[in-house]
């Protein structure tokens, strides 16, 4: 199994989603605060998938 670095766009999208999830945990954001945990999980899963899949 070969691993590859994620593309910059994928990395930034995962970073922004994770950062919004962390921010929504501490600050009340309408609609986003109730999904804060899942936003962070989605950011991490996106980074893992981008590491395993070459074109992501």
N, C-alpha and C. Protein backbone atom coordinates (compact mmCIF):
# COMPACT_ATOMS: atom_id res chain seq x y z
N UNK A 1 0.85 -1.16 0.00
CA UNK A 1 0.00 0.00 0.00
C UNK A 1 0.90 1.23 0.00
N UNK A 2 0.67 2.11 -0.95
CA UNK A 2 1.45 3.34 -1.00
C UNK A 2 0.58 4.50 -0.54
N UNK A 3 1.17 5.32 0.27
CA UNK A 3 0.47 6.50 0.76
C UNK A 3 0.96 7.71 -0.03
N UNK A 4 0.08 8.68 -0.19
CA UNK A 4 0.46 9.91 -0.89
C UNK A 4 -0.06 11.10 -0.10
N UNK A 5 0.62 12.20 -0.28
CA UNK A 5 0.19 13.42 0.39
C UNK A 5 -1.10 13.92 -0.25
N UNK A 6 -2.03 14.44 0.56
CA UNK A 6 -3.27 14.96 -0.03
C UNK A 6 -2.97 16.23 -0.83
N UNK A 7 -3.84 16.51 -1.78
CA UNK A 7 -3.70 17.76 -2.54
C UNK A 7 -3.94 18.94 -1.61
N UNK A 8 -3.42 20.08 -2.00
CA UNK A 8 -3.56 21.27 -1.14
C UNK A 8 -5.02 21.66 -0.93
N UNK A 9 -5.81 21.55 -1.98
CA UNK A 9 -7.23 21.91 -1.86
C UNK A 9 -7.93 20.99 -0.88
N UNK A 10 -7.66 19.70 -0.96
CA UNK A 10 -8.28 18.73 -0.06
C UNK A 10 -7.84 19.00 1.38
N UNK A 11 -6.56 19.30 1.56
CA UNK A 11 -6.05 19.57 2.89
C UNK A 11 -6.72 20.80 3.48
N UNK A 12 -6.87 21.86 2.68
CA UNK A 12 -7.50 23.09 3.18
C UNK A 12 -8.98 22.88 3.49
N UNK A 13 -9.67 22.12 2.67
CA UNK A 13 -11.09 21.84 2.94
C UNK A 13 -11.23 21.08 4.25
N UNK A 14 -10.39 20.06 4.45
CA UNK A 14 -10.44 19.29 5.70
C UNK A 14 -10.08 20.16 6.89
N UNK A 15 -9.10 21.03 6.72
CA UNK A 15 -8.70 21.93 7.81
C UNK A 15 -9.82 22.88 8.18
N UNK A 16 -10.47 23.47 7.18
CA UNK A 16 -11.54 24.43 7.45
C UNK A 16 -12.73 23.74 8.10
N UNK A 17 -13.10 22.56 7.62
CA UNK A 17 -14.22 21.83 8.21
C UNK A 17 -13.90 21.47 9.66
N UNK A 18 -12.68 21.00 9.92
CA UNK A 18 -12.29 20.66 11.29
C UNK A 18 -12.24 21.88 12.19
N UNK A 19 -11.73 22.99 11.67
CA UNK A 19 -11.64 24.22 12.47
C UNK A 19 -13.04 24.76 12.80
N UNK A 20 -13.95 24.69 11.84
CA UNK A 20 -15.32 25.12 12.11
C UNK A 20 -15.97 24.21 13.15
N UNK A 21 -15.67 22.92 13.08
CA UNK A 21 -16.21 22.00 14.08
C UNK A 21 -15.69 22.30 15.48
N UNK A 22 -14.41 22.59 15.58
CA UNK A 22 -13.85 22.95 16.89
C UNK A 22 -14.41 24.27 17.38
N UNK A 23 -14.52 25.25 16.49
CA UNK A 23 -15.08 26.55 16.86
C UNK A 23 -16.53 26.41 17.29
N UNK A 24 -17.29 25.58 16.59
CA UNK A 24 -18.70 25.39 16.93
C UNK A 24 -18.87 24.69 18.27
N UNK A 25 -17.86 24.00 18.73
CA UNK A 25 -17.93 23.37 20.05
C UNK A 25 -17.85 24.40 21.17
N UNK A 26 -17.11 25.48 20.94
CA UNK A 26 -16.90 26.48 21.99
C UNK A 26 -17.79 27.71 21.85
N UNK A 27 -18.23 28.02 20.64
CA UNK A 27 -19.07 29.18 20.38
C UNK A 27 -20.37 28.69 19.77
N UNK A 28 -21.47 29.23 20.19
CA UNK A 28 -22.75 28.81 19.66
C UNK A 28 -22.94 29.37 18.26
N UNK A 29 -22.93 28.48 17.30
CA UNK A 29 -23.19 28.84 15.92
C UNK A 29 -24.50 28.18 15.51
N UNK A 30 -25.41 28.95 14.94
CA UNK A 30 -26.68 28.35 14.55
C UNK A 30 -26.47 27.18 13.59
N UNK A 31 -27.13 26.11 13.81
CA UNK A 31 -27.11 24.88 13.03
C UNK A 31 -25.81 24.10 13.13
N UNK A 32 -24.66 24.75 13.23
CA UNK A 32 -23.38 24.04 13.23
C UNK A 32 -22.99 23.48 14.59
N UNK A 33 -23.44 24.11 15.66
CA UNK A 33 -23.01 23.69 16.99
C UNK A 33 -23.50 22.29 17.34
N UNK A 34 -24.66 21.91 16.84
CA UNK A 34 -25.15 20.57 17.16
C UNK A 34 -24.43 19.49 16.38
N UNK A 35 -23.68 19.86 15.32
CA UNK A 35 -22.93 18.90 14.52
C UNK A 35 -21.42 19.10 14.64
N UNK A 36 -20.96 19.73 15.70
CA UNK A 36 -19.54 20.06 15.85
C UNK A 36 -18.67 18.81 15.84
N UNK A 37 -19.06 17.80 16.58
CA UNK A 37 -18.27 16.56 16.64
C UNK A 37 -18.16 15.93 15.25
N UNK A 38 -19.27 15.87 14.53
CA UNK A 38 -19.27 15.22 13.21
C UNK A 38 -18.49 16.02 12.18
N UNK A 39 -18.42 17.33 12.34
CA UNK A 39 -17.60 18.14 11.43
C UNK A 39 -16.12 17.80 11.60
N UNK A 40 -15.69 17.65 12.84
CA UNK A 40 -14.29 17.30 13.10
C UNK A 40 -14.00 15.89 12.59
N UNK A 41 -14.92 14.96 12.82
CA UNK A 41 -14.74 13.60 12.32
C UNK A 41 -14.66 13.60 10.80
N UNK A 42 -15.52 14.36 10.13
CA UNK A 42 -15.49 14.43 8.68
C UNK A 42 -14.17 14.99 8.17
N UNK A 43 -13.63 16.00 8.86
CA UNK A 43 -12.34 16.55 8.46
C UNK A 43 -11.22 15.53 8.56
N UNK A 44 -11.20 14.76 9.63
CA UNK A 44 -10.17 13.73 9.79
C UNK A 44 -10.34 12.59 8.79
N UNK A 45 -11.57 12.17 8.56
CA UNK A 45 -11.82 11.10 7.59
C UNK A 45 -11.42 11.56 6.19
N UNK A 46 -11.69 12.80 5.86
CA UNK A 46 -11.29 13.32 4.56
C UNK A 46 -9.78 13.30 4.40
N UNK A 47 -9.05 13.67 5.45
CA UNK A 47 -7.58 13.61 5.38
C UNK A 47 -7.06 12.19 5.24
N UNK A 48 -7.67 11.25 5.94
CA UNK A 48 -7.24 9.85 5.83
C UNK A 48 -7.52 9.31 4.44
N UNK A 49 -8.70 9.60 3.91
CA UNK A 49 -9.02 9.14 2.56
C UNK A 49 -8.09 9.77 1.52
N UNK A 50 -7.77 11.03 1.70
CA UNK A 50 -6.87 11.70 0.76
C UNK A 50 -5.46 11.13 0.83
N UNK A 51 -5.09 10.58 1.97
CA UNK A 51 -3.78 9.96 2.10
C UNK A 51 -3.75 8.60 1.39
N UNK A 52 -4.84 7.86 1.46
CA UNK A 52 -4.90 6.54 0.85
C UNK A 52 -5.21 6.57 -0.64
N UNK A 53 -5.98 7.54 -1.08
CA UNK A 53 -6.39 7.63 -2.49
C UNK A 53 -5.52 8.66 -3.20
N UNK A 54 -4.94 8.28 -4.29
CA UNK A 54 -3.97 9.12 -4.98
C UNK A 54 -4.56 10.41 -5.55
N UNK A 55 -5.76 10.37 -6.13
CA UNK A 55 -6.28 11.53 -6.84
C UNK A 55 -7.24 12.40 -6.01
N UNK A 56 -7.19 12.27 -4.72
CA UNK A 56 -8.11 13.06 -3.89
C UNK A 56 -7.42 14.23 -3.29
